[in-house]
């Protein structure tokens, strides 16, 4: 009985913490916000990365290529709601990866490009790109700075941005890899991402945390039933 109460209390405390973190995180993300989604098996064309995945990462690097040319979805919210746009987002970290438990870290660098009709931007990662393993894949966060902008760009040179990625449908790749990504281990993944004006701290996305809450609640429920049978 005591164990059941402890598990129940833990689930409640974690749920309250996630709710508070979600509210704080939502207030940190600013506008404009560029959001994008890419599924490797839903693309209408063949992208440049192995397996047609929008994201490939391994011991020697991290690469992302999302483009509406291949059927990926992209939209911008400048304060009046999301409007779909055509464009591409490309990112490259040439590693090496630092692995510690369930965390994979890639160093910063000048390696992010954004192109859409009427504007383009080049961004530099001012922090490491940190991947944190979740129940459904990986969450990834990095801070960036706009170093070049052209046309009617969403941001200006010097603006600080936050890159928030959610990698899912993660699959080990055994295909031949380009020299740049030749590695001892490598994965492909689908991605949902946001690029926005932000000062958010690198904490797990609420969606992933809610999965953790659900798991704790499930454990508590199973324990309750088991102890009830034993009594």
Protein backbone atom coordinates (compact mmCIF):
# COMPACT_ATOMS: atom_id res chain seq x y z
CA UNK A 1 0.00 0.00 0.00
CA UNK A 2 2.79 2.40 0.92
CA UNK A 3 4.59 1.70 -2.37
CA UNK A 4 1.39 2.41 -4.28
CA UNK A 5 0.97 5.75 -2.52
CA UNK A 6 4.56 6.70 -3.28
CA UNK A 7 4.15 5.93 -6.99
CA UNK A 8 0.88 7.81 -7.14
CA UNK A 9 2.41 10.83 -5.44
CA UNK A 10 5.40 10.72 -7.80
CA UNK A 11 3.12 10.73 -10.83
CA UNK A 12 1.14 13.70 -9.46
CA UNK A 13 4.27 15.72 -8.66
CA UNK A 14 5.75 15.00 -12.11
CA UNK A 15 2.50 16.00 -13.82
CA UNK A 16 2.41 19.33 -11.95
CA UNK A 17 6.07 19.94 -12.80
CA UNK A 18 5.44 19.25 -16.50
CA UNK A 19 2.44 21.58 -16.55
CA UNK A 20 4.52 24.37 -15.03
CA UNK A 21 7.42 23.69 -17.41
CA UNK A 22 5.06 23.66 -20.40
CA UNK A 23 3.65 27.06 -19.46
CA UNK A 24 7.10 28.54 -18.93
CA UNK A 25 8.44 27.06 -22.16
CA UNK A 26 5.47 28.27 -24.21
CA UNK A 27 6.10 31.83 -23.04
CA UNK A 28 9.78 31.62 -24.06
CA UNK A 29 9.16 30.87 -27.72
CA UNK A 30 8.71 34.05 -29.76
CA UNK A 31 7.60 35.03 -33.23
CA UNK A 32 8.18 34.62 -36.06
CA UNK A 33 8.15 30.84 -35.84
CA UNK A 34 9.08 28.53 -38.70
CA UNK A 35 7.77 24.99 -38.29
CA UNK A 36 8.41 21.99 -40.52
CA UNK A 37 7.58 18.27 -40.74
CA UNK A 38 9.14 15.57 -42.88
CA UNK A 39 8.40 11.83 -43.15
CA UNK A 40 10.81 9.75 -45.21
CA UNK A 41 8.09 7.41 -46.51
CA UNK A 42 5.73 10.29 -47.32
CA UNK A 43 8.05 12.20 -49.61
CA UNK A 44 7.19 12.77 -53.26
CA UNK A 45 10.84 12.91 -54.30
CA UNK A 46 14.23 11.56 -53.28
CA UNK A 47 16.29 13.71 -50.93
CA UNK A 48 20.10 13.79 -50.68
CA UNK A 49 20.44 11.75 -47.46
CA UNK A 50 20.56 7.92 -47.17
CA UNK A 51 17.24 6.11 -47.01
CA UNK A 52 15.50 9.33 -48.10
CA UNK A 53 15.44 10.31 -44.41
CA UNK A 54 15.26 14.04 -43.64
CA UNK A 55 17.68 13.52 -40.73
CA UNK A 56 20.74 11.26 -40.55
CA UNK A 57 23.02 11.27 -37.52
CA UNK A 58 25.90 9.14 -36.35
CA UNK A 59 29.26 9.10 -34.61
CA UNK A 60 30.84 11.44 -37.15
CA UNK A 61 28.08 13.96 -37.75
CA UNK A 62 24.48 15.17 -37.92
CA UNK A 63 22.73 16.17 -41.15
CA UNK A 64 19.22 17.47 -41.80
CA UNK A 65 17.66 18.35 -45.13
CA UNK A 66 13.99 19.35 -45.24
CA UNK A 67 12.52 20.73 -48.46
CA UNK A 68 9.02 21.29 -49.79
CA UNK A 69 10.46 20.19 -53.13
CA UNK A 70 10.27 16.64 -51.77
CA UNK A 71 6.78 17.00 -50.32
CA UNK A 72 7.87 18.11 -46.83
CA UNK A 73 5.59 20.57 -45.02
CA UNK A 74 6.68 24.05 -43.92
CA UNK A 75 4.77 26.97 -42.41
CA UNK A 76 5.52 30.37 -40.86
CA UNK A 77 3.70 32.18 -38.07
CA UNK A 78 4.57 35.89 -37.96
CA UNK A 79 1.87 36.72 -35.43
CA UNK A 80 -1.22 36.30 -37.60
CA UNK A 81 -1.33 32.49 -37.65
CA UNK A 82 0.51 29.88 -39.67
CA UNK A 83 0.76 30.18 -43.45
CA UNK A 84 2.32 27.44 -45.57
CA UNK A 85 5.49 28.35 -47.46
CA UNK A 86 7.84 26.69 -49.89
CA UNK A 87 11.50 26.41 -48.98
CA UNK A 88 14.27 24.33 -47.51
CA UNK A 89 16.13 23.97 -44.24
CA UNK A 90 19.57 22.40 -44.25
CA UNK A 91 21.86 21.72 -41.31
CA UNK A 92 25.22 20.00 -41.00
CA UNK A 93 27.34 19.20 -37.95
CA UNK A 94 30.55 17.38 -38.85
CA UNK A 95 30.98 15.84 -35.41
CA UNK A 96 32.36 13.90 -33.76
CA UNK A 97 29.48 12.94 -31.51
CA UNK A 98 29.94 12.92 -27.76
CA UNK A 99 27.79 10.17 -26.25
CA UNK A 100 26.96 10.12 -22.55
CA UNK A 101 24.18 7.74 -21.52
CA UNK A 102 21.03 8.74 -23.44
CA UNK A 103 22.50 12.07 -24.58
CA UNK A 104 24.30 12.75 -27.86
CA UNK A 105 26.08 16.09 -28.31
CA UNK A 106 27.41 17.72 -31.48
CA UNK A 107 29.52 20.86 -31.33
CA UNK A 108 28.46 24.28 -32.64
CA UNK A 109 29.47 25.68 -36.01
CA UNK A 110 28.48 27.66 -39.08
CA UNK A 111 26.24 25.01 -40.52
CA UNK A 112 22.61 26.06 -40.86
CA UNK A 113 20.89 27.48 -43.94
CA UNK A 114 17.32 28.57 -44.60
CA UNK A 115 15.95 29.42 -48.03
CA UNK A 116 12.38 30.38 -48.94
CA UNK A 117 10.77 32.50 -51.66
CA UNK A 118 11.84 36.10 -51.16
CA UNK A 119 14.49 35.56 -48.49
CA UNK A 120 17.37 33.47 -47.24
CA UNK A 121 19.37 33.26 -44.03
CA UNK A 122 22.56 31.71 -42.73
CA UNK A 123 22.73 30.82 -39.05
CA UNK A 124 25.52 29.74 -36.77
CA UNK A 125 24.98 27.36 -33.89
CA UNK A 126 26.16 29.24 -30.80
CA UNK A 127 25.60 26.21 -28.58
CA UNK A 128 26.01 22.49 -29.01
CA UNK A 129 23.23 20.52 -30.65
CA UNK A 130 22.07 18.21 -27.87
CA UNK A 131 19.97 15.10 -28.56
CA UNK A 132 18.16 13.55 -25.61
CA UNK A 133 16.68 10.08 -26.02
CA UNK A 134 12.95 9.81 -25.33
CA UNK A 135 10.33 7.07 -25.40
CA UNK A 136 9.60 7.83 -29.07
CA UNK A 137 13.01 8.88 -30.44
CA UNK A 138 15.09 11.95 -29.61
CA UNK A 139 14.45 15.56 -28.67
CA UNK A 140 17.09 18.03 -29.85
CA UNK A 141 17.80 21.64 -28.92
CA UNK A 142 20.33 24.22 -30.02
CA UNK A 143 20.74 27.99 -29.88
CA UNK A 144 21.58 29.87 -33.07
CA UNK A 145 22.51 33.34 -34.23
CA UNK A 146 21.63 34.90 -37.59
CA UNK A 147 24.91 35.79 -39.32
CA UNK A 148 23.56 36.66 -42.78
CA UNK A 149 20.13 37.57 -44.14
CA UNK A 150 18.87 38.53 -47.58
CA UNK A 151 15.57 39.66 -49.03
CA UNK A 152 12.47 39.97 -46.89
CA UNK A 153 13.93 37.73 -44.17
CA UNK A 154 11.96 36.74 -41.09
CA UNK A 155 14.90 37.70 -38.86
CA UNK A 156 17.79 40.15 -38.80
CA UNK A 157 21.52 39.67 -38.44
CA UNK A 158 22.32 39.22 -34.75
CA UNK A 159 18.93 37.76 -33.79
CA UNK A 160 19.07 34.84 -31.36
CA UNK A 161 17.01 31.80 -32.33
CA UNK A 162 16.19 28.41 -30.88
CA UNK A 163 16.10 25.21 -32.90
CA UNK A 164 13.75 22.61 -31.41
CA UNK A 165 13.67 19.20 -33.12
CA UNK A 166 11.73 16.01 -32.42
CA UNK A 167 13.17 12.94 -34.12
CA UNK A 168 10.93 9.88 -34.45
CA UNK A 169 10.72 6.68 -36.49
CA UNK A 170 14.44 6.34 -35.74
CA UNK A 171 16.04 3.47 -37.67
CA UNK A 172 19.56 2.10 -37.83
CA UNK A 173 21.12 2.57 -41.27
CA UNK A 174 23.26 -0.11 -42.87
CA UNK A 175 23.40 1.43 -46.34
CA UNK A 176 26.57 2.86 -47.84
CA UNK A 177 27.05 6.36 -46.48
CA UNK A 178 28.67 9.43 -48.03
CA UNK A 179 32.28 9.95 -46.98
CA UNK A 180 31.27 12.84 -44.74
CA UNK A 181 28.92 10.61 -42.74
CA UNK A 182 30.93 7.40 -42.82
CA UNK A 183 30.65 6.25 -39.27
CA UNK A 184 30.71 3.39 -36.79
CA UNK A 185 27.00 3.89 -36.05
CA UNK A 186 24.34 5.81 -37.90
CA UNK A 187 20.58 6.40 -37.71
CA UNK A 188 17.93 7.87 -39.96
CA UNK A 189 14.89 9.67 -38.54
CA UNK A 190 11.78 11.62 -39.43
CA UNK A 191 11.53 15.10 -37.96
CA UNK A 192 9.19 17.76 -36.67
CA UNK A 193 10.97 21.02 -35.96
CA UNK A 194 10.59 24.66 -34.99
CA UNK A 195 12.92 27.60 -35.49
CA UNK A 196 11.90 30.66 -33.52
CA UNK A 197 13.06 33.71 -31.64
CA UNK A 198 13.71 32.35 -28.19
CA UNK A 199 15.69 32.38 -24.97
CA UNK A 200 14.34 29.02 -23.88
CA UNK A 201 16.49 26.83 -21.64
CA UNK A 202 17.49 23.40 -23.00
CA UNK A 203 14.79 21.31 -21.30
CA UNK A 204 12.75 18.38 -22.68
CA UNK A 205 9.71 19.28 -24.76
CA UNK A 206 6.40 18.91 -22.86
CA UNK A 207 5.19 16.31 -25.34
CA UNK A 208 8.01 13.95 -24.44
CA UNK A 209 7.63 14.67 -20.73
CA UNK A 210 3.91 13.85 -20.91
CA UNK A 211 4.81 10.42 -22.27
CA UNK A 212 6.99 9.96 -19.20
CA UNK A 213 4.10 11.00 -16.96
CA UNK A 214 1.83 8.50 -18.68
CA UNK A 215 4.41 5.79 -18.06
CA UNK A 216 4.71 6.62 -14.35
CA UNK A 217 0.93 6.71 -14.00
CA UNK A 218 0.72 3.33 -15.72
CA UNK A 219 3.30 1.85 -13.35
CA UNK A 220 1.36 3.20 -10.38
CA UNK A 221 -1.88 1.70 -11.70
CA UNK A 222 -0.31 -1.71 -12.26
CA UNK A 223 1.26 -1.65 -8.80
CA UNK A 224 -2.08 -0.76 -7.25
CA UNK A 225 -3.78 -3.73 -8.93
CA UNK A 226 -0.97 -6.10 -7.96
CA UNK A 227 -0.99 -5.07 -4.32
CA UNK A 228 -4.77 -5.30 -4.26
CA UNK A 229 -4.58 -8.93 -5.45
CA UNK A 230 -1.87 -9.74 -2.91
CA UNK A 231 -3.95 -8.32 -0.07
